[in-house]
Amino acid sequence: MKADEMNLVLLITITFTLALVHGNNTPCALNLDNNAFYRFVGRHIVNNNFNRNSKSDWQMYIRNSGLCGRFYQSFFEPGYLGSIMQICQGYGHQLINPRVGNLCISPNTMPFYYVVIDNNCVVQSLASYRNHVVVACDKLVNQCLPVHFERYTGQMPDVSPCM
């Protein structure tokens, strides 16, 4: 390969890598990973019936769902999926001074479960909260959808809607 072609390949590789590492800079920017929303749902929407107050039931759910790789986990009941999706579709707002540019916040609070596990996938703590919901919103195919849950730490909404 010529030096110019090598430089072009290197530039493309670096650009692609930076895009993957840093994510999108604005809500609803195109994401080429069409499975990002389904991963979000698998990680954050509870899809089984079990005692939500039982650490052992949560532990079994997390293990059976293949979610042992993250120490801090947040889960929503299936009935809230539509409300979470709407955050990215005009009902939520961008954040003031976000850490990442594609984060959006819900207009209302929602209940969710916060579970902490250890290295052996044993539930250490379990709590339920009602807070505003912060998600990263990306455009997948032709729809803006949540792709990442971000813990609410008092972030404030901007006036700009997410869409």
Protein backbone atom coordinates (compact mmCIF):
# COMPACT_ATOMS: atom_id res chain seq x y z
CA MET A 1 0.00 0.00 0.00
CA LYS A 2 1.06 3.53 -0.62
CA ALA A 3 1.72 5.86 2.29
CA ASP A 4 -1.42 7.92 1.50
CA GLU A 5 -3.61 4.80 1.50
CA MET A 6 -2.07 3.63 4.78
CA ASN A 7 -2.73 7.03 6.34
CA LEU A 8 -6.33 6.96 5.14
CA VAL A 9 -6.88 3.48 6.61
CA LEU A 10 -5.31 4.62 9.87
CA LEU A 11 -7.49 7.75 9.97
CA ILE A 12 -10.67 5.74 9.37
CA THR A 13 -9.70 3.21 12.04
CA ILE A 14 -8.99 5.92 14.62
CA THR A 15 -12.21 7.77 13.82
CA PHE A 16 -14.29 4.60 14.12
CA THR A 17 -12.59 3.65 17.39
CA LEU A 18 -13.18 7.09 18.90
CA ALA A 19 -16.83 6.97 17.87
CA LEU A 20 -17.25 3.62 19.61
CA VAL A 21 -15.44 4.70 22.75
CA HIS A 22 -17.05 8.09 23.17
CA GLY A 23 -20.54 7.35 21.89
CA ASN A 24 -22.71 9.95 20.23
CA ASN A 25 -22.35 13.63 21.04
CA THR A 26 -26.02 14.52 20.58
CA PRO A 27 -29.26 12.69 21.33
CA CYS A 28 -30.70 10.65 18.50
CA ALA A 29 -27.55 10.59 16.39
CA LEU A 30 -27.24 7.51 14.21
CA ASN A 31 -25.94 4.38 15.92
CA LEU A 32 -24.91 1.56 13.57
CA ASP A 33 -25.34 -1.06 16.30
CA ASN A 34 -28.95 -2.09 15.70
CA ASN A 35 -28.87 -4.39 18.75
CA ALA A 36 -28.12 -1.58 21.23
CA PHE A 37 -31.79 -1.12 22.18
CA TYR A 38 -32.35 -4.86 22.65
CA ARG A 39 -29.28 -5.01 24.90
CA PHE A 40 -30.70 -2.10 26.90
CA VAL A 41 -34.01 -3.93 27.32
CA GLY A 42 -32.24 -7.17 28.31
CA ARG A 43 -30.17 -5.36 30.93
CA HIS A 44 -32.84 -3.10 32.43
CA ILE A 45 -36.38 -4.41 31.85
CA VAL A 46 -37.36 -7.29 34.16
CA ASN A 47 -38.96 -10.01 32.06
CA ASN A 48 -39.77 -12.67 34.71
CA ASN A 49 -42.18 -12.98 37.59
CA PHE A 50 -40.48 -13.33 40.97
CA ASN A 51 -40.56 -11.75 44.42
CA ARG A 52 -39.03 -8.30 43.88
CA ASN A 53 -38.26 -8.04 47.63
CA SER A 54 -36.16 -11.23 47.69
CA LYS A 55 -32.39 -11.00 47.29
CA SER A 56 -32.19 -14.70 46.40
CA ASP A 57 -34.85 -14.30 43.68
CA TRP A 58 -32.96 -11.31 42.22
CA GLN A 59 -29.74 -13.28 42.36
CA MET A 60 -31.31 -16.15 40.42
CA TYR A 61 -32.82 -13.72 37.88
CA ILE A 62 -29.49 -11.93 37.33
CA ARG A 63 -27.61 -15.22 36.95
CA ASN A 64 -30.18 -16.76 34.61
CA SER A 65 -30.21 -13.58 32.50
CA GLY A 66 -26.42 -13.55 32.13
CA LEU A 67 -26.06 -10.20 33.88
CA CYS A 68 -23.36 -11.04 36.43
CA GLY A 69 -20.74 -8.83 34.77
CA ARG A 70 -21.93 -5.52 36.24
CA PHE A 71 -21.76 -4.76 39.97
CA TYR A 72 -24.42 -2.02 39.95
CA GLN A 73 -27.66 -2.79 38.15
CA SER A 74 -30.94 -0.96 37.64
CA PHE A 75 -34.18 -2.58 36.58
CA PHE A 76 -37.63 -1.39 35.55
CA GLU A 77 -40.93 -3.21 35.42
CA PRO A 78 -42.04 -4.04 31.84
CA GLY A 79 -44.94 -1.57 32.06
CA TYR A 80 -42.48 1.33 32.09
CA LEU A 81 -40.72 0.44 28.84
CA GLY A 82 -43.02 2.71 26.80
CA SER A 83 -42.37 5.66 29.14
CA ILE A 84 -38.63 5.05 28.97
CA MET A 85 -38.76 4.93 25.16
CA GLN A 86 -40.71 8.22 25.12
CA ILE A 87 -37.80 9.97 26.86
CA CYS A 88 -35.96 9.67 23.53
CA GLN A 89 -38.97 10.58 21.40
CA GLY A 90 -39.69 14.16 22.40
CA TYR A 91 -41.00 13.74 25.96
CA GLY A 92 -37.57 13.85 27.61
CA HIS A 93 -35.09 16.70 27.60
CA GLN A 94 -31.39 16.98 27.05
CA LEU A 95 -29.29 17.56 30.14
CA ILE A 96 -27.60 20.78 31.15
CA ASN A 97 -23.83 20.13 30.93
CA PRO A 98 -24.03 16.38 30.30
CA ARG A 99 -21.04 14.10 30.86
CA VAL A 100 -21.95 12.48 27.53
CA GLY A 101 -23.79 14.38 24.81
CA ASN A 102 -26.60 11.93 24.07
CA LEU A 103 -28.10 11.79 27.59
CA CYS A 104 -31.74 12.70 28.13
CA ILE A 105 -33.87 12.92 31.28
CA SER A 106 -37.48 11.95 31.88
CA PRO A 107 -40.01 14.70 32.65
CA ASN A 108 -41.43 12.63 35.53
CA THR A 109 -40.09 10.23 38.11
CA MET A 110 -40.41 6.47 37.67
CA PRO A 111 -39.94 3.56 40.07
CA PHE A 112 -37.01 1.20 39.57
CA TYR A 113 -34.92 -1.37 41.43
CA TYR A 114 -31.26 -0.89 42.21
CA VAL A 115 -29.30 -4.09 42.84
CA VAL A 116 -25.65 -4.39 43.87
CA ILE A 117 -23.85 -7.70 43.33
CA ASP A 118 -20.36 -8.91 44.19
CA ASN A 119 -17.70 -10.77 42.17
CA ASN A 120 -19.58 -14.05 42.68
CA CYS A 121 -22.91 -12.66 41.47
CA VAL A 122 -24.29 -12.63 45.02
CA VAL A 123 -26.75 -9.82 45.72
CA GLN A 124 -25.27 -7.52 48.35
CA SER A 125 -28.04 -4.93 48.44
CA LEU A 126 -31.45 -4.35 46.97
CA ALA A 127 -33.47 -1.14 47.00
CA SER A 128 -36.36 0.42 45.16
CA TYR A 129 -36.34 4.10 44.23
CA ARG A 130 -38.47 6.62 42.43
CA ASN A 131 -36.37 9.13 40.50
CA HIS A 132 -36.07 10.85 37.19
CA VAL A 133 -34.64 8.49 34.59
CA VAL A 134 -31.55 9.39 32.56
CA VAL A 135 -30.83 7.41 29.39
CA ALA A 136 -28.57 7.72 26.38
CA CYS A 137 -30.66 8.09 23.22
CA ASP A 138 -29.46 6.98 19.79
CA LYS A 139 -31.16 6.66 16.42
CA LEU A 140 -31.48 3.00 15.46
CA VAL A 141 -32.90 2.33 12.02
CA ASN A 142 -35.42 5.23 11.94
CA GLN A 143 -36.35 5.55 15.60
CA CYS A 144 -34.65 7.28 18.54
CA LEU A 145 -34.38 4.74 21.36
CA PRO A 146 -32.67 4.32 24.74
CA VAL A 147 -29.37 2.44 24.55
CA HIS A 148 -27.85 3.07 27.99
CA PHE A 149 -29.10 3.77 31.52
CA GLU A 150 -27.26 6.47 33.45
CA ARG A 151 -27.70 6.81 37.20
CA TYR A 152 -29.64 9.90 38.26
CA THR A 153 -27.43 12.15 40.38
CA GLY A 154 -29.50 15.32 40.36
CA GLN A 155 -28.88 16.20 36.71
CA MET A 156 -31.04 19.03 35.41
CA PRO A 157 -32.96 19.20 32.12
CA ASP A 158 -32.21 21.68 29.39
CA VAL A 159 -35.08 23.21 27.40
CA SER A 160 -34.17 21.17 24.31
CA PRO A 161 -36.31 18.08 23.79
CA CYS A 162 -34.72 14.75 22.93
CA MET A 163 -35.78 13.61 19.48
